[in-house]
C-alpha atoms as a PDB file:
ATOM      1  CA  MET A   1     -23.873  -6.975  24.688  1.00  0.00           C
ATOM      2  CA  GLN A   2     -21.121  -6.199  27.130  1.00  0.00           C
ATOM      3  CA  LEU A   3     -17.553  -6.935  26.144  1.00  0.00           C
ATOM      4  CA  ILE A   4     -15.473  -8.428  28.961  1.00  0.00           C
ATOM      5  CA  LEU A   5     -11.724  -8.958  28.894  1.00  0.00           C
ATOM      6  CA  ALA A   6     -10.941 -11.867  31.222  1.00  0.00           C
ATOM      7  CA  SER A   7      -7.578 -10.450  32.195  1.00  0.00           C
ATOM      8  CA  THR A   8      -5.920  -7.927  34.455  1.00  0.00           C
ATOM      9  CA  SER A   9      -2.876  -7.680  32.174  1.00  0.00           C
ATOM     10  CA  PRO A  10      -2.104  -4.047  31.330  1.00  0.00           C
ATOM     11  CA  TYR A  11      -0.678  -5.246  27.999  1.00  0.00           C
ATOM     12  CA  ARG A  12      -3.888  -7.015  26.945  1.00  0.00           C
ATOM     13  CA  LYS A  13      -5.964  -4.063  28.146  1.00  0.00           C
ATOM     14  CA  GLU A  14      -3.878  -1.662  26.047  1.00  0.00           C
ATOM     15  CA  LEU A  15      -4.189  -3.919  22.991  1.00  0.00           C
ATOM     16  CA  LEU A  16      -7.980  -4.206  23.290  1.00  0.00           C
ATOM     17  CA  SER A  17      -8.202  -0.424  23.768  1.00  0.00           C
ATOM     18  CA  ARG A  18      -6.729  -0.021  20.288  1.00  0.00           C
ATOM     19  CA  LEU A  19     -10.041  -1.253  18.851  1.00  0.00           C
ATOM     20  CA  HIS A  20     -11.974   1.707  20.374  1.00  0.00           C
ATOM     21  CA  LEU A  21     -14.607  -0.596  21.856  1.00  0.00           C
ATOM     22  CA  THR A  22     -16.230  -0.162  25.254  1.00  0.00           C
ATOM     23  CA  PHE A  23     -15.193  -3.037  27.520  1.00  0.00           C
ATOM     24  CA  LYS A  24     -14.652  -4.032  31.115  1.00  0.00           C
ATOM     25  CA  THR A  25     -11.866  -6.103  32.592  1.00  0.00           C
ATOM     26  CA  ALA A  26     -12.405  -8.854  35.133  1.00  0.00           C
ATOM     27  CA  ARG A  27      -9.984 -11.091  36.984  1.00  0.00           C
ATOM     28  CA  PRO A  28     -10.457 -14.671  35.790  1.00  0.00           C
ATOM     29  CA  ASP A  29     -10.265 -17.597  38.178  1.00  0.00           C
ATOM     30  CA  ALA A  30      -8.102 -20.227  36.485  1.00  0.00           C
ATOM     31  CA  ASP A  31      -5.448 -22.588  37.768  1.00  0.00           C
ATOM     32  CA  GLU A  32      -2.561 -22.050  35.352  1.00  0.00           C
ATOM     33  CA  THR A  33      -0.629 -25.165  36.350  1.00  0.00           C
ATOM     34  CA  PRO A  34       0.311 -27.203  33.250  1.00  0.00           C
ATOM     35  CA  LEU A  35      -1.073 -30.727  33.060  1.00  0.00           C
ATOM     36  CA  ASN A  36       1.340 -33.660  32.794  1.00  0.00           C
ATOM     37  CA  GLY A  37       2.513 -33.991  29.204  1.00  0.00           C
ATOM     38  CA  GLU A  38       0.586 -30.921  28.067  1.00  0.00           C
ATOM     39  CA  MET A  39       2.166 -29.282  25.020  1.00  0.00           C
ATOM     40  CA  PRO A  40       2.618 -25.464  25.017  1.00  0.00           C
ATOM     41  CA  GLU A  41      -0.036 -24.959  22.335  1.00  0.00           C
ATOM     42  CA  GLU A  42      -2.530 -27.079  24.280  1.00  0.00           C
ATOM     43  CA  LEU A  43      -1.799 -25.216  27.502  1.00  0.00           C
ATOM     44  CA  ALA A  44      -2.308 -21.793  25.904  1.00  0.00           C
ATOM     45  CA  LEU A  45      -5.669 -22.842  24.456  1.00  0.00           C
ATOM     46  CA  ARG A  46      -6.863 -24.555  27.642  1.00  0.00           C
ATOM     47  CA  LEU A  47      -6.003 -21.526  29.765  1.00  0.00           C
ATOM     48  CA  ALA A  48      -7.689 -19.086  27.353  1.00  0.00           C
ATOM     49  CA  ASN A  49     -10.847 -21.230  27.591  1.00  0.00           C
ATOM     50  CA  LEU A  50     -10.649 -21.532  31.387  1.00  0.00           C
ATOM     51  CA  LYS A  51     -10.256 -17.788  31.818  1.00  0.00           C
ATOM     52  CA  ALA A  52     -13.298 -16.999  29.667  1.00  0.00           C
ATOM     53  CA  GLU A  53     -15.426 -19.771  31.181  1.00  0.00           C
ATOM     54  CA  SER A  54     -14.591 -18.703  34.746  1.00  0.00           C
ATOM     55  CA  LEU A  55     -16.571 -15.479  34.236  1.00  0.00           C
ATOM     56  CA  VAL A  56     -19.723 -16.869  32.594  1.00  0.00           C
ATOM     57  CA  ALA A  57     -21.917 -16.781  35.719  1.00  0.00           C
ATOM     58  CA  LEU A  58     -20.919 -13.188  36.483  1.00  0.00           C
ATOM     59  CA  HIS A  59     -21.464 -11.834  32.964  1.00  0.00           C
ATOM     60  CA  PRO A  60     -24.614 -13.075  31.217  1.00  0.00           C
ATOM     61  CA  ASP A  61     -25.362 -11.598  27.783  1.00  0.00           C
ATOM     62  CA  SER A  62     -21.709 -10.784  27.240  1.00  0.00           C
ATOM     63  CA  LEU A  63     -18.843 -11.540  24.947  1.00  0.00           C
ATOM     64  CA  ILE A  64     -15.964 -12.707  27.120  1.00  0.00           C
ATOM     65  CA  ILE A  65     -12.427 -12.663  25.769  1.00  0.00           C
ATOM     66  CA  GLY A  66     -10.003 -15.111  27.325  1.00  0.00           C
ATOM     67  CA  SER A  67      -6.365 -15.173  26.290  1.00  0.00           C
ATOM     68  CA  ASP A  68      -3.197 -16.767  27.542  1.00  0.00           C
ATOM     69  CA  GLN A  69       0.339 -17.068  26.264  1.00  0.00           C
ATOM     70  CA  VAL A  70       2.940 -19.781  26.623  1.00  0.00           C
ATOM     71  CA  SER A  71       6.481 -19.302  25.351  1.00  0.00           C
ATOM     72  CA  THR A  72       9.296 -21.753  24.764  1.00  0.00           C
ATOM     73  CA  LEU A  73      12.956 -21.563  23.850  1.00  0.00           C
ATOM     74  CA  ASP A  74      13.561 -23.521  20.633  1.00  0.00           C
ATOM     75  CA  ASP A  75      10.014 -24.916  21.075  1.00  0.00           C
ATOM     76  CA  ILE A  76      11.211 -27.045  24.025  1.00  0.00           C
ATOM     77  CA  THR A  77      12.126 -25.181  27.212  1.00  0.00           C
ATOM     78  CA  PRO A  78       9.342 -23.092  28.855  1.00  0.00           C
ATOM     79  CA  VAL A  79      10.140 -19.385  29.140  1.00  0.00           C
ATOM     80  CA  GLY A  80       8.141 -17.402  31.690  1.00  0.00           C
ATOM     81  CA  LYS A  81       8.212 -13.944  33.192  1.00  0.00           C
ATOM     82  CA  PRO A  82      11.591 -13.359  34.823  1.00  0.00           C
ATOM     83  CA  GLY A  83      10.557 -11.341  37.888  1.00  0.00           C
ATOM     84  CA  SER A  84      14.132 -10.215  38.555  1.00  0.00           C
ATOM     85  CA  MET A  85      16.998  -8.603  36.679  1.00  0.00           C
ATOM     86  CA  GLU A  86      19.166 -11.684  37.241  1.00  0.00           C
ATOM     87  CA  LYS A  87      16.551 -14.038  35.771  1.00  0.00           C
ATOM     88  CA  ALA A  88      15.965 -11.647  32.850  1.00  0.00           C
ATOM     89  CA  PHE A  89      19.683 -11.713  32.101  1.00  0.00           C
ATOM     90  CA  GLU A  90      19.695 -15.540  32.220  1.00  0.00           C
ATOM     91  CA  GLN A  91      16.712 -15.740  29.857  1.00  0.00           C
ATOM     92  CA  LEU A  92      18.144 -13.322  27.320  1.00  0.00           C
ATOM     93  CA  ARG A  93      21.585 -14.969  27.494  1.00  0.00           C
ATOM     94  CA  ALA A  94      19.923 -18.353  26.794  1.00  0.00           C
ATOM     95  CA  SER A  95      17.902 -16.847  23.923  1.00  0.00           C
ATOM     96  CA  SER A  96      20.922 -15.274  22.215  1.00  0.00           C
ATOM     97  CA  GLY A  97      21.145 -16.623  18.666  1.00  0.00           C
ATOM     98  CA  LYS A  98      18.102 -18.863  19.199  1.00  0.00           C
ATOM     99  CA  THR A  99      14.361 -18.856  18.584  1.00  0.00           C
ATOM    100  CA  VAL A 100      11.658 -18.194  21.161  1.00  0.00           C
ATOM    101  CA  VAL A 101       8.218 -19.472  20.139  1.00  0.00           C
ATOM    102  CA  PHE A 102       5.062 -17.873  21.534  1.00  0.00           C
ATOM    103  CA  TYR A 103       1.693 -19.639  21.563  1.00  0.00           C
ATOM    104  CA  THR A 104      -1.167 -17.246  22.257  1.00  0.00           C
ATOM    105  CA  GLY A 105      -4.514 -18.860  22.945  1.00  0.00           C
ATOM    106  CA  LEU A 106      -7.721 -16.940  22.289  1.00  0.00           C
ATOM    107  CA  CYS A 107     -11.278 -17.734  23.334  1.00  0.00           C
ATOM    108  CA  VAL A 108     -14.269 -15.525  22.517  1.00  0.00           C
ATOM    109  CA  LEU A 109     -17.274 -16.818  24.445  1.00  0.00           C
ATOM    110  CA  ASN A 110     -20.802 -15.544  23.818  1.00  0.00           C
ATOM    111  CA  THR A 111     -22.594 -16.160  27.121  1.00  0.00           C
ATOM    112  CA  ALA A 112     -26.000 -15.395  25.589  1.00  0.00           C
ATOM    113  CA  THR A 113     -25.767 -18.143  22.940  1.00  0.00           C
ATOM    114  CA  GLY A 114     -23.068 -20.422  24.330  1.00  0.00           C
ATOM    115  CA  GLN A 115     -21.083 -20.063  21.099  1.00  0.00           C
ATOM    116  CA  LYS A 116     -17.340 -20.134  21.467  1.00  0.00           C
ATOM    117  CA  GLU A 117     -14.536 -19.386  19.027  1.00  0.00           C
ATOM    118  CA  THR A 118     -11.014 -20.510  19.869  1.00  0.00           C
ATOM    119  CA  LEU A 119      -7.604 -20.532  18.254  1.00  0.00           C
ATOM    120  CA  VAL A 120      -3.900 -20.559  18.995  1.00  0.00           C
ATOM    121  CA  ASP A 121      -1.609 -18.128  17.209  1.00  0.00           C
ATOM    122  CA  ARG A 122       2.046 -19.158  16.845  1.00  0.00           C
ATOM    123  CA  TYR A 123       4.694 -16.435  16.620  1.00  0.00           C
ATOM    124  CA  GLU A 124       8.465 -16.869  16.490  1.00  0.00           C
ATOM    125  CA  ILE A 125      11.243 -14.485  17.445  1.00  0.00           C
ATOM    126  CA  GLN A 126      14.754 -15.231  16.230  1.00  0.00           C
ATOM    127  CA  PHE A 127      17.257 -13.476  18.470  1.00  0.00           C
ATOM    128  CA  ARG A 128      20.513 -12.167  17.110  1.00  0.00           C
ATOM    129  CA  GLU A 129      23.745 -12.983  18.942  1.00  0.00           C
ATOM    130  CA  LEU A 130      23.781 -10.735  22.017  1.00  0.00           C
ATOM    131  CA  SER A 131      26.714  -9.609  24.116  1.00  0.00           C
ATOM    132  CA  ASP A 132      26.442  -9.531  27.902  1.00  0.00           C
ATOM    133  CA  ALA A 133      26.833  -5.744  27.779  1.00  0.00           C
ATOM    134  CA  GLU A 134      23.897  -5.421  25.339  1.00  0.00           C
ATOM    135  CA  ILE A 135      21.716  -7.615  27.531  1.00  0.00           C
ATOM    136  CA  HIS A 136      22.534  -5.635  30.688  1.00  0.00           C
ATOM    137  CA  ARG A 137      21.921  -2.319  28.895  1.00  0.00           C
ATOM    138  CA  TYR A 138      18.586  -3.512  27.492  1.00  0.00           C
ATOM    139  CA  ILE A 139      17.344  -4.739  30.878  1.00  0.00           C
ATOM    140  CA  GLU A 140      18.347  -1.458  32.555  1.00  0.00           C
ATOM    141  CA  LEU A 141      16.522   0.587  29.909  1.00  0.00           C
ATOM    142  CA  GLU A 142      13.251  -1.382  29.654  1.00  0.00           C
ATOM    143  CA  MET A 143      13.012  -3.389  32.892  1.00  0.00           C
ATOM    144  CA  PRO A 144      11.045  -6.202  31.161  1.00  0.00           C
ATOM    145  CA  LEU A 145      10.615  -8.148  34.393  1.00  0.00           C
ATOM    146  CA  ASP A 146       6.883  -8.814  33.872  1.00  0.00           C
ATOM    147  CA  CYS A 147       7.234  -9.976  30.248  1.00  0.00           C
ATOM    148  CA  ALA A 148       7.621 -13.569  29.084  1.00  0.00           C
ATOM    149  CA  GLY A 149      11.011 -13.913  27.476  1.00  0.00           C
ATOM    150  CA  SER A 150      12.352 -10.767  29.196  1.00  0.00           C
ATOM    151  CA  PHE A 151      11.649  -8.348  26.354  1.00  0.00           C
ATOM    152  CA  LYS A 152       9.064  -5.866  25.107  1.00  0.00           C
ATOM    153  CA  SER A 153       8.619  -6.215  21.360  1.00  0.00           C
ATOM    154  CA  GLU A 154       6.637  -2.967  21.253  1.00  0.00           C
ATOM    155  CA  GLY A 155       9.664  -1.102  22.580  1.00  0.00           C
ATOM    156  CA  LEU A 156      13.421  -1.431  22.442  1.00  0.00           C
ATOM    157  CA  GLY A 157      13.117  -5.226  22.417  1.00  0.00           C
ATOM    158  CA  SER A 158      13.163  -5.109  18.617  1.00  0.00           C
ATOM    159  CA  ALA A 159      16.876  -4.275  18.840  1.00  0.00           C
ATOM    160  CA  LEU A 160      17.433  -7.804  20.195  1.00  0.00           C
ATOM    161  CA  PHE A 161      15.918  -9.596  17.208  1.00  0.00           C
ATOM    162  CA  ALA A 162      17.223 -10.951  13.923  1.00  0.00           C
ATOM    163  CA  ARG A 163      13.700 -11.582  12.589  1.00  0.00           C
ATOM    164  CA  HIS A 164      10.023 -12.184  13.367  1.00  0.00           C
ATOM    165  CA  LEU A 165       7.877 -14.951  11.907  1.00  0.00           C
ATOM    166  CA  GLY A 166       4.131 -14.851  12.413  1.00  0.00           C
ATOM    167  CA  ALA A 167       0.830 -13.592  11.066  1.00  0.00           C
ATOM    168  CA  ASP A 168      -0.190 -11.212  13.865  1.00  0.00           C
ATOM    169  CA  PRO A 169       2.434  -9.226  15.799  1.00  0.00           C
ATOM    170  CA  THR A 170      -0.115  -8.308  18.482  1.00  0.00           C
ATOM    171  CA  SER A 171      -0.267 -11.970  19.506  1.00  0.00           C
ATOM    172  CA  LEU A 172       3.342 -11.582  20.597  1.00  0.00           C
ATOM    173  CA  ILE A 173       2.196  -8.972  23.149  1.00  0.00           C
ATOM    174  CA  GLY A 174      -0.596 -11.242  24.372  1.00  0.00           C
ATOM    175  CA  LEU A 175      -3.825 -10.723  22.385  1.00  0.00           C
ATOM    176  CA  PRO A 176      -4.118 -11.560  18.658  1.00  0.00           C
ATOM    177  CA  LEU A 177      -6.174  -8.599  17.448  1.00  0.00           C
ATOM    178  CA  ILE A 178      -6.552  -9.768  13.843  1.00  0.00           C
ATOM    179  CA  ALA A 179      -8.258 -12.996  14.909  1.00  0.00           C
ATOM    180  CA  LEU A 180     -10.158 -11.191  17.660  1.00  0.00           C
ATOM    181  CA  CYS A 181     -11.653  -8.674  15.212  1.00  0.00           C
ATOM    182  CA  GLY A 182     -12.989 -11.513  13.047  1.00  0.00           C
ATOM    183  CA  ALA A 183     -14.440 -13.361  16.031  1.00  0.00           C
ATOM    184  CA  LEU A 184     -16.142 -10.235  17.383  1.00  0.00           C
ATOM    185  CA  GLN A 185     -17.650  -9.488  13.974  1.00  0.00           C
ATOM    186  CA  ARG A 186     -19.025 -13.033  13.678  1.00  0.00           C
ATOM    187  CA  GLN A 187     -20.578 -12.631  17.149  1.00  0.00           C
ATOM    188  CA  GLY A 188     -22.404  -9.447  16.112  1.00  0.00           C
ATOM    189  CA  MET A 189     -19.939  -6.862  17.434  1.00  0.00           C
ATOM    190  CA  PRO A 190     -18.282  -5.207  14.438  1.00  0.00           C
ATOM    191  CA  VAL A 191     -15.122  -3.240  15.108  1.00  0.00           C
ATOM    192  CA  LEU A 192     -15.663  -0.730  12.314  1.00  0.00           C
END
């Protein structure tokens, strides 16, 4: 079976590459607009499913991996990708001393059998109190403008944190590898 990553994210591609499996990436076709009243966890799971399902017709006899991440400040306010240094500063200033919660949805869809495994991994980052100078310095060094929450946990972003709380740190980057390994194994594609 072919393994397809329904994503063009360089972060998800790098994470999946860690498993030393042969795979292809494909751009999913999914409207990422939240539904009225949709909770972050529900949105992450729905989008992971939509991304995987959008590629079914193009990839028969494949395992398609769909994933999406939704983040919130104190589990209330949505936190997206900043896109600019000014917005990154605003996000990190707002996060100082608070908790950002990440919901990472995962869908592994077997197009040969129609079987689907889904889950949402919750991961929390407690930020330490940050000075404006620290925030500016961090943004200049890492330029995290394409990262939800304006930080890269796999890099210098760890210097911003007081603590992590979660089962799988790779879900924080966008693809929960621990859960993915189990799902792939159950679908007949062992990692080891």
